[in-house]
Protein backbone atom coordinates (compact mmCIF):
# COMPACT_ATOMS: atom_id res chain seq x y z
CA MET A 1 -1.20 -53.29 30.03
CA LYS A 2 -1.33 -54.36 26.38
CA GLU A 3 1.77 -53.94 24.27
CA LYS A 4 1.58 -51.14 21.74
CA ILE A 5 1.82 -51.83 18.02
CA ARG A 6 4.88 -50.03 16.69
CA ILE A 7 4.33 -48.19 13.41
CA GLY A 8 6.89 -47.28 10.78
CA PHE A 9 5.75 -44.74 8.18
CA ILE A 10 7.09 -44.76 4.65
CA GLY A 11 6.09 -41.36 3.31
CA LEU A 12 5.55 -38.95 6.19
CA ASN A 13 6.74 -35.38 6.06
CA PRO A 14 5.94 -32.20 7.98
CA GLU A 15 4.89 -30.25 4.87
CA GLY A 16 1.24 -31.24 5.34
CA HIS A 17 0.56 -34.23 3.12
CA TRP A 18 -1.92 -37.07 3.67
CA ALA A 19 -0.03 -38.99 6.35
CA ALA A 20 0.52 -35.87 8.48
CA ASN A 21 -3.00 -34.53 7.92
CA ALA A 22 -4.97 -37.76 8.34
CA HIS A 23 -2.94 -40.60 9.86
CA LEU A 24 -1.20 -38.79 12.69
CA PRO A 25 -4.37 -37.02 13.95
CA ALA A 26 -6.19 -40.36 13.77
CA LEU A 27 -3.49 -42.14 15.77
CA ALA A 28 -3.67 -39.43 18.45
CA TYR A 29 -7.00 -41.02 19.47
CA LEU A 30 -5.52 -44.52 19.68
CA LYS A 31 -2.46 -44.04 21.87
CA GLU A 32 -3.18 -47.16 23.89
CA ASP A 33 -2.94 -49.28 20.75
CA PHE A 34 -0.22 -47.66 18.65
CA GLU A 35 3.01 -45.72 18.81
CA VAL A 36 4.86 -44.29 15.81
CA THR A 37 8.46 -45.42 16.23
CA GLY A 38 10.00 -44.92 12.80
CA VAL A 39 9.92 -43.01 9.54
CA ALA A 40 11.60 -43.38 6.15
CA ASN A 41 11.25 -40.94 3.28
CA THR A 42 12.85 -40.42 -0.11
CA THR A 43 16.01 -39.15 1.58
CA TYR A 44 17.57 -39.66 5.00
CA GLU A 45 17.53 -35.89 5.53
CA SER A 46 13.79 -35.80 4.96
CA ALA A 47 13.26 -38.68 7.39
CA LYS A 48 15.32 -36.89 10.05
CA ARG A 49 13.25 -33.72 9.60
CA SER A 50 10.04 -35.70 10.03
CA ALA A 51 11.34 -37.54 13.07
CA GLU A 52 12.28 -34.26 14.71
CA ALA A 53 9.02 -32.52 13.76
CA PHE A 54 6.77 -35.32 15.05
CA GLY A 55 8.87 -36.67 17.91
CA ILE A 56 9.51 -40.05 16.27
CA PRO A 57 12.38 -42.05 17.84
CA TYR A 58 13.92 -43.53 14.68
CA ALA A 59 14.67 -41.93 11.32
CA PHE A 60 15.78 -44.62 8.87
CA GLU A 61 18.19 -44.12 5.99
CA ASN A 62 15.84 -45.86 3.59
CA ALA A 63 12.65 -47.89 3.41
CA GLU A 64 14.48 -51.22 3.53
CA ALA A 65 16.09 -50.34 6.85
CA LEU A 66 12.70 -49.43 8.32
CA ILE A 67 11.07 -52.61 7.03
CA LEU A 68 13.79 -54.83 8.50
CA SER A 69 13.97 -53.02 11.83
CA GLU A 70 13.14 -54.88 15.03
CA HIS A 71 11.49 -51.67 16.24
CA ILE A 72 8.66 -51.87 13.64
CA ASP A 73 5.60 -54.14 13.77
CA LEU A 74 3.35 -52.38 11.23
CA VAL A 75 4.56 -50.72 8.04
CA VAL A 76 2.30 -47.91 6.79
CA VAL A 77 2.79 -46.96 3.13
CA THR A 78 1.51 -43.50 2.18
CA VAL A 79 3.65 -42.69 -0.88
CA LYS A 80 2.47 -42.25 -4.48
CA VAL A 81 0.86 -45.22 -6.19
CA PRO A 82 3.76 -46.19 -8.53
CA TYR A 83 5.93 -46.93 -5.47
CA HIS A 84 3.40 -49.07 -3.59
CA PHE A 85 4.24 -52.45 -5.09
CA ALA A 86 7.96 -52.65 -4.31
CA LEU A 87 7.59 -51.24 -0.80
CA VAL A 88 4.58 -53.33 0.19
CA LYS A 89 6.11 -56.48 -1.30
CA ALA A 90 9.29 -55.95 0.72
CA ALA A 91 7.31 -55.40 3.92
CA LEU A 92 5.22 -58.53 3.37
CA GLU A 93 8.28 -60.63 2.61
CA ALA A 94 9.79 -59.40 5.88
CA GLY A 95 6.71 -60.71 7.69
CA LYS A 96 5.45 -57.28 8.75
CA HIS A 97 1.83 -56.22 9.02
CA VAL A 98 1.01 -53.57 6.40
CA TYR A 99 -1.44 -50.69 5.97
CA CYS A 100 -1.26 -49.40 2.39
CA GLU A 101 -3.33 -46.57 1.00
CA HIS A 102 -5.62 -47.32 -1.94
CA PRO A 103 -4.94 -48.02 -4.79
CA LEU A 104 -3.06 -51.01 -3.44
CA GLY A 105 -0.99 -51.44 -6.61
CA ASN A 106 -0.57 -49.73 -9.95
CA GLY A 107 -3.00 -51.89 -11.86
CA LEU A 108 -4.76 -55.20 -11.36
CA ASP A 109 -1.69 -57.41 -11.66
CA GLU A 110 0.23 -55.62 -8.91
CA SER A 111 -2.81 -55.53 -6.63
CA THR A 112 -3.48 -59.25 -7.13
CA GLN A 113 0.14 -60.19 -6.50
CA LEU A 114 0.20 -58.26 -3.23
CA ALA A 115 -3.08 -59.77 -2.05
CA GLU A 116 -1.83 -63.28 -2.78
CA LEU A 117 1.49 -62.63 -1.02
CA ALA A 118 -0.27 -61.23 2.05
CA GLU A 119 -2.43 -64.35 2.21
CA ARG A 120 0.61 -66.62 2.00
CA LYS A 121 2.45 -64.71 4.70
CA GLY A 122 -0.53 -64.76 7.06
CA VAL A 123 -0.02 -61.16 8.18
CA VAL A 124 -2.67 -58.49 8.64
CA ALA A 125 -2.63 -56.48 5.41
CA VAL A 126 -5.07 -53.57 5.15
CA THR A 127 -5.88 -51.28 2.24
CA GLY A 128 -7.20 -47.79 2.93
CA LEU A 129 -10.84 -48.00 1.85
CA GLN A 130 -11.97 -45.59 4.55
CA MET A 131 -15.47 -44.91 3.23
CA THR A 132 -16.49 -48.52 3.90
CA VAL A 133 -15.96 -48.06 7.65
CA SER A 134 -17.55 -44.62 7.93
CA PRO A 135 -20.53 -44.10 10.27
CA GLU A 136 -22.62 -42.87 7.35
CA VAL A 137 -22.07 -46.01 5.26
CA ARG A 138 -22.72 -48.24 8.26
CA HIS A 139 -25.92 -46.27 8.93
CA LEU A 140 -27.03 -46.59 5.32
CA LYS A 141 -26.46 -50.33 5.38
CA GLN A 142 -28.58 -50.58 8.53
CA LEU A 143 -31.36 -48.55 6.90
CA ILE A 144 -31.36 -50.76 3.81
CA ASN A 145 -31.30 -53.94 5.90
CA ASP A 146 -34.14 -52.63 8.06
CA GLY A 147 -36.31 -52.02 4.98
CA TYR A 148 -36.31 -48.21 5.12
CA VAL A 149 -36.72 -47.96 1.33
CA GLY A 150 -38.39 -51.35 0.86
CA ASP A 151 -36.91 -53.30 -2.05
CA VAL A 152 -34.12 -51.29 -3.66
CA LEU A 153 -34.96 -50.48 -7.29
CA SER A 154 -32.19 -48.17 -8.43
CA THR A 155 -29.25 -46.03 -7.39
CA THR A 156 -27.64 -43.00 -9.03
CA LEU A 157 -24.21 -41.54 -8.30
CA ILE A 158 -22.83 -38.21 -9.53
CA GLY A 159 -19.48 -36.84 -8.40
CA SER A 160 -16.72 -34.32 -9.10
CA GLY A 161 -13.12 -35.49 -8.89
CA GLY A 162 -11.61 -32.14 -7.94
CA ASN A 163 -8.60 -32.70 -10.19
CA TRP A 164 -8.35 -33.98 -13.77
CA ARG A 165 -9.30 -30.89 -15.73
CA ASN A 166 -6.99 -28.56 -17.65
CA GLU A 167 -4.97 -27.10 -14.76
CA THR A 168 -2.88 -28.57 -11.98
CA ILE A 169 0.12 -27.84 -9.77
CA ALA A 170 3.50 -29.49 -10.20
CA GLU A 171 3.08 -31.71 -7.14
CA ASN A 172 -0.16 -33.18 -8.53
CA TYR A 173 0.76 -33.46 -12.19
CA TYR A 174 1.38 -37.21 -11.85
CA LEU A 175 -2.40 -37.66 -11.43
CA ASN A 176 -2.86 -36.68 -15.07
CA ASP A 177 -0.59 -39.45 -16.42
CA LYS A 178 -2.78 -42.55 -16.58
CA SER A 179 0.24 -44.85 -16.42
CA ASN A 180 0.81 -43.78 -12.79
CA GLY A 181 -2.42 -45.47 -11.69
CA ALA A 182 -3.71 -42.45 -9.75
CA THR A 183 -6.69 -41.37 -11.85
CA MET A 184 -10.22 -40.18 -11.22
CA LEU A 185 -11.33 -43.79 -11.76
CA THR A 186 -8.86 -45.33 -9.32
CA ILE A 187 -9.08 -42.72 -6.54
CA PRO A 188 -12.34 -40.74 -5.97
CA LEU A 189 -14.67 -42.97 -7.94
CA ALA A 190 -13.07 -46.17 -6.64
CA HIS A 191 -13.30 -45.06 -3.01
CA THR A 192 -16.94 -44.05 -3.46
CA LEU A 193 -17.87 -47.20 -5.35
CA ALA A 194 -16.42 -49.21 -2.46
CA GLY A 195 -18.96 -47.47 -0.21
CA VAL A 196 -21.81 -48.05 -2.66
CA ILE A 197 -20.96 -51.75 -2.91
CA LYS A 198 -20.72 -52.04 0.88
CA VAL A 199 -24.30 -50.81 1.14
CA LEU A 200 -25.98 -52.29 -1.95
CA GLY A 201 -23.78 -55.18 -3.13
CA GLY A 202 -21.53 -55.69 -6.14
CA PHE A 203 -22.05 -55.26 -9.86
CA ARG A 204 -23.78 -57.95 -11.89
CA GLU A 205 -23.28 -56.38 -15.32
CA PHE A 206 -22.47 -52.97 -16.75
CA SER A 207 -21.07 -50.97 -19.62
CA SER A 208 -18.86 -47.92 -19.31
CA HIS A 209 -17.61 -44.96 -21.30
CA LEU A 210 -14.50 -42.90 -20.47
CA VAL A 211 -13.69 -39.56 -22.10
CA ASN A 212 -10.58 -37.38 -21.98
CA HIS A 213 -11.69 -33.89 -23.02
CA PHE A 214 -8.47 -32.13 -21.97
CA LYS A 215 -5.45 -33.56 -23.76
CA LYS A 216 -3.16 -30.92 -22.22
CA VAL A 217 -2.85 -29.58 -18.70
CA THR A 218 -1.26 -26.31 -17.57
CA VAL A 219 1.00 -26.59 -14.52
CA THR A 220 0.08 -23.29 -12.89
CA ASP A 221 3.13 -22.90 -10.62
CA SER A 222 5.59 -23.35 -13.50
CA GLY A 223 3.60 -22.34 -16.56
CA ASP A 224 4.46 -25.59 -18.31
CA VAL A 225 1.89 -27.26 -20.55
CA LYS A 226 2.04 -31.04 -20.38
CA GLU A 227 0.27 -34.08 -21.76
CA LYS A 228 -2.81 -35.40 -19.98
CA THR A 229 -3.83 -39.01 -20.57
CA ALA A 230 -6.13 -39.63 -17.58
CA GLU A 231 -9.84 -39.40 -18.41
CA ASP A 232 -11.96 -36.57 -17.02
CA GLN A 233 -15.42 -38.04 -17.71
CA ILE A 234 -16.51 -41.50 -16.50
CA MET A 235 -19.95 -42.98 -17.15
CA ILE A 236 -21.21 -46.40 -16.04
CA ILE A 237 -24.65 -47.95 -16.43
CA GLY A 238 -25.71 -51.41 -15.38
CA THR A 239 -27.17 -53.52 -12.60
CA LEU A 240 -26.05 -54.54 -9.14
CA GLU A 241 -27.04 -57.66 -7.25
CA ASN A 242 -30.82 -58.21 -7.00
CA ASP A 243 -31.25 -56.37 -10.34
CA VAL A 244 -30.74 -52.93 -8.79
CA ALA A 245 -30.29 -50.46 -11.65
CA ILE A 246 -27.23 -48.21 -11.32
CA SER A 247 -25.97 -45.17 -13.20
CA VAL A 248 -22.73 -43.33 -12.44
CA HIS A 249 -21.24 -40.12 -13.80
CA TYR A 250 -17.97 -38.67 -12.50
CA ARG A 251 -16.40 -35.57 -14.01
CA GLY A 252 -13.09 -33.80 -13.54
CA GLY A 253 -12.71 -30.56 -11.62
CA MET A 254 -15.49 -29.09 -9.50
CA SER A 255 -19.07 -28.21 -10.39
CA ARG A 256 -20.91 -24.99 -9.56
CA GLY A 257 -23.81 -27.27 -8.76
CA THR A 258 -23.62 -30.85 -7.48
CA ASN A 259 -20.27 -32.31 -6.40
CA LEU A 260 -21.48 -35.51 -4.73
CA LEU A 261 -25.01 -36.87 -5.01
CA TRP A 262 -25.87 -40.51 -4.33
CA GLU A 263 -29.51 -41.52 -4.39
CA ILE A 264 -31.09 -44.85 -3.49
CA ASN A 265 -34.68 -45.39 -4.61
CA GLY A 266 -36.90 -48.22 -3.40
CA THR A 267 -40.46 -49.50 -3.36
CA ASN A 268 -41.21 -47.78 -0.03
CA GLY A 269 -38.75 -44.92 0.32
CA ASP A 270 -35.83 -42.88 -0.93
CA LEU A 271 -32.39 -41.94 0.40
CA GLN A 272 -30.21 -39.04 -0.68
CA ILE A 273 -26.53 -38.74 0.27
CA THR A 274 -24.62 -35.54 -0.48
CA GLY A 275 -21.12 -34.23 0.02
CA ALA A 276 -18.83 -31.36 -0.96
CA ILE A 277 -16.65 -33.40 -3.35
CA GLY A 278 -16.76 -36.75 -5.09
CA HIS A 279 -14.21 -38.33 -2.75
CA GLY A 280 -16.70 -40.18 -0.56
CA GLN A 281 -13.89 -41.30 1.74
CA LEU A 282 -12.89 -37.82 2.86
CA THR A 283 -15.92 -35.57 2.64
CA GLU A 284 -18.63 -35.10 5.24
CA LEU A 285 -21.69 -37.03 4.09
CA THR A 286 -25.23 -35.83 4.78
CA ILE A 287 -27.98 -38.45 4.65
CA LYS A 288 -31.60 -37.53 4.03
CA GLY A 289 -34.53 -39.84 3.52
CA ALA A 290 -38.27 -40.34 3.34
CA THR A 291 -40.15 -43.59 3.87
CA GLY A 292 -43.74 -44.80 3.73
CA SER A 293 -46.22 -41.93 3.68
CA GLU A 294 -43.57 -39.23 4.24
CA ASN A 295 -43.43 -36.71 1.40
CA GLU A 296 -40.36 -34.68 2.34
CA LEU A 297 -36.79 -35.76 2.95
CA VAL A 298 -35.53 -35.45 6.53
CA THR A 299 -31.98 -35.64 7.83
CA LEU A 300 -31.00 -39.07 9.14
CA THR A 301 -28.07 -38.83 11.53
CA PRO A 302 -26.08 -41.99 12.37
CA ALA A 303 -26.42 -43.24 15.94
CA ALA A 304 -23.68 -42.10 18.32
CA GLU A 305 -22.31 -45.63 18.76
CA LEU A 306 -21.46 -45.82 15.06
CA TYR A 307 -18.77 -43.20 15.62
CA ASP A 308 -16.86 -45.57 17.97
CA ASP A 309 -15.88 -42.68 20.28
CA LEU A 310 -13.71 -41.34 17.46
CA PRO A 311 -13.78 -38.00 15.59
CA SER A 312 -16.83 -37.32 13.44
CA ASP A 313 -14.80 -35.59 10.71
CA ALA A 314 -14.42 -37.71 7.60
CA VAL A 315 -10.65 -37.41 7.25
CA SER A 316 -9.04 -38.32 10.57
CA GLY A 317 -12.19 -39.99 11.89
CA ASN A 318 -12.46 -42.58 9.13
CA VAL A 319 -8.72 -43.27 9.19
CA ALA A 320 -8.95 -43.72 12.97
CA ARG A 321 -11.73 -46.26 12.46
CA MET A 322 -9.46 -48.13 10.06
CA TYR A 323 -6.70 -48.22 12.65
CA LYS A 324 -9.07 -49.35 15.40
CA LEU A 325 -10.11 -52.34 13.33
CA LEU A 326 -6.51 -52.95 12.34
CA ALA A 327 -5.35 -53.08 15.97
CA ALA A 328 -8.03 -55.63 16.82
CA ASP A 329 -7.14 -57.69 13.74
CA ILE A 330 -3.46 -57.82 14.72
CA ARG A 331 -4.18 -58.67 18.37
CA ASN A 332 -6.84 -61.30 17.58
CA ASN A 333 -5.57 -62.62 14.23
CA ARG A 334 -8.80 -61.75 12.46
CA ARG A 335 -9.72 -59.76 9.33
CA THR A 336 -12.34 -57.06 9.93
CA ALA A 337 -10.59 -54.05 8.34
CA PRO A 338 -10.59 -53.85 4.52
CA THR A 339 -8.00 -56.40 3.40
CA PHE A 340 -5.60 -56.55 0.47
CA GLU A 341 -8.03 -59.00 -1.11
CA ASP A 342 -10.75 -56.35 -0.80
CA GLY A 343 -8.41 -53.91 -2.53
CA ALA A 344 -7.65 -56.40 -5.30
CA GLU A 345 -11.35 -57.19 -5.74
CA LEU A 346 -12.11 -53.48 -6.14
CA TYR A 347 -9.34 -53.24 -8.73
CA ARG A 348 -10.90 -56.10 -10.68
CA LEU A 349 -13.96 -53.88 -11.01
CA LEU A 350 -11.86 -50.85 -12.00
CA ASP A 351 -10.01 -52.91 -14.61
CA SER A 352 -13.34 -54.13 -16.00
CA ILE A 353 -14.65 -50.56 -16.19
CA ASP A 354 -11.56 -49.50 -18.12
CA THR A 355 -11.76 -52.54 -20.41
CA SER A 356 -15.47 -52.05 -21.10
CA ALA A 357 -14.83 -48.46 -22.18
CA LYS A 358 -12.35 -49.62 -24.85
CA ARG A 359 -14.81 -51.90 -26.64
């Protein structure tokens, strides 16, 4: 019987945040590979509550104690972006494997430093780019490779961020402060662009324009009105590899019309991908297409084997696929899950988008 990989969560609480809603349900499908043995939160009391709620053996007084514990093989970091760097750096320096949610760091410099440190330490270091491992993205890549649309000519992406308009709740206000690194550019658009690039290849050249219409945001559960510095309109136009034309428009809030539309147009066919929100990593994606002499789009469902015997839902299912790759990487000393270098490379693009908009 193979030895289980022992996970320590930094940022897991029973109030229903990302780790509890996505990671724990995902791990329930991978009990032969993983066991959650520890948790550390902002306070020891919070960690003890989580340990009791989820049946976790060890509640640690602080993150450092968890990282240094002999009971932890893999440190999973699911806290807010400004805290990623210090926690991930400590885990890497302790020689632990790490799974950190995207964005890896708060900015390009932090992300690059962490990627370089992970490489030096030789550990498995994974960043949470879940859309890239989704059945839908894998299916799209197969379709493109098989010539479903012929030569790809262009692609168009429209999405709604959900947040980043003129109202928020206290818990999510930090998203509106650009200095925190958790913006519409770095979260929903970044995740979705990672999927686009996985299918069609990286950017060759582009120009961008970022707009912040709402300079103030009302915190609805307190009534406070606070500054908003994160942009709520993002536009990119350019070319990908092989001269594929690309246009992107992401907007804050939700639309009464389209909230995720990604089209791929080629010399012999067309593909249309839709979803309920512009977070391509956590919304159910519907693929439709038409090729050759076909005149109407038809639904194209991924083959059953692309789901890896894991849930079809985009939240826990895609996280479970990340963990499945991660387990194999740790056991076989390989790198098939999205690495820290992948996360840093994506941030190089995000930094370039932000820089281009300032010219």
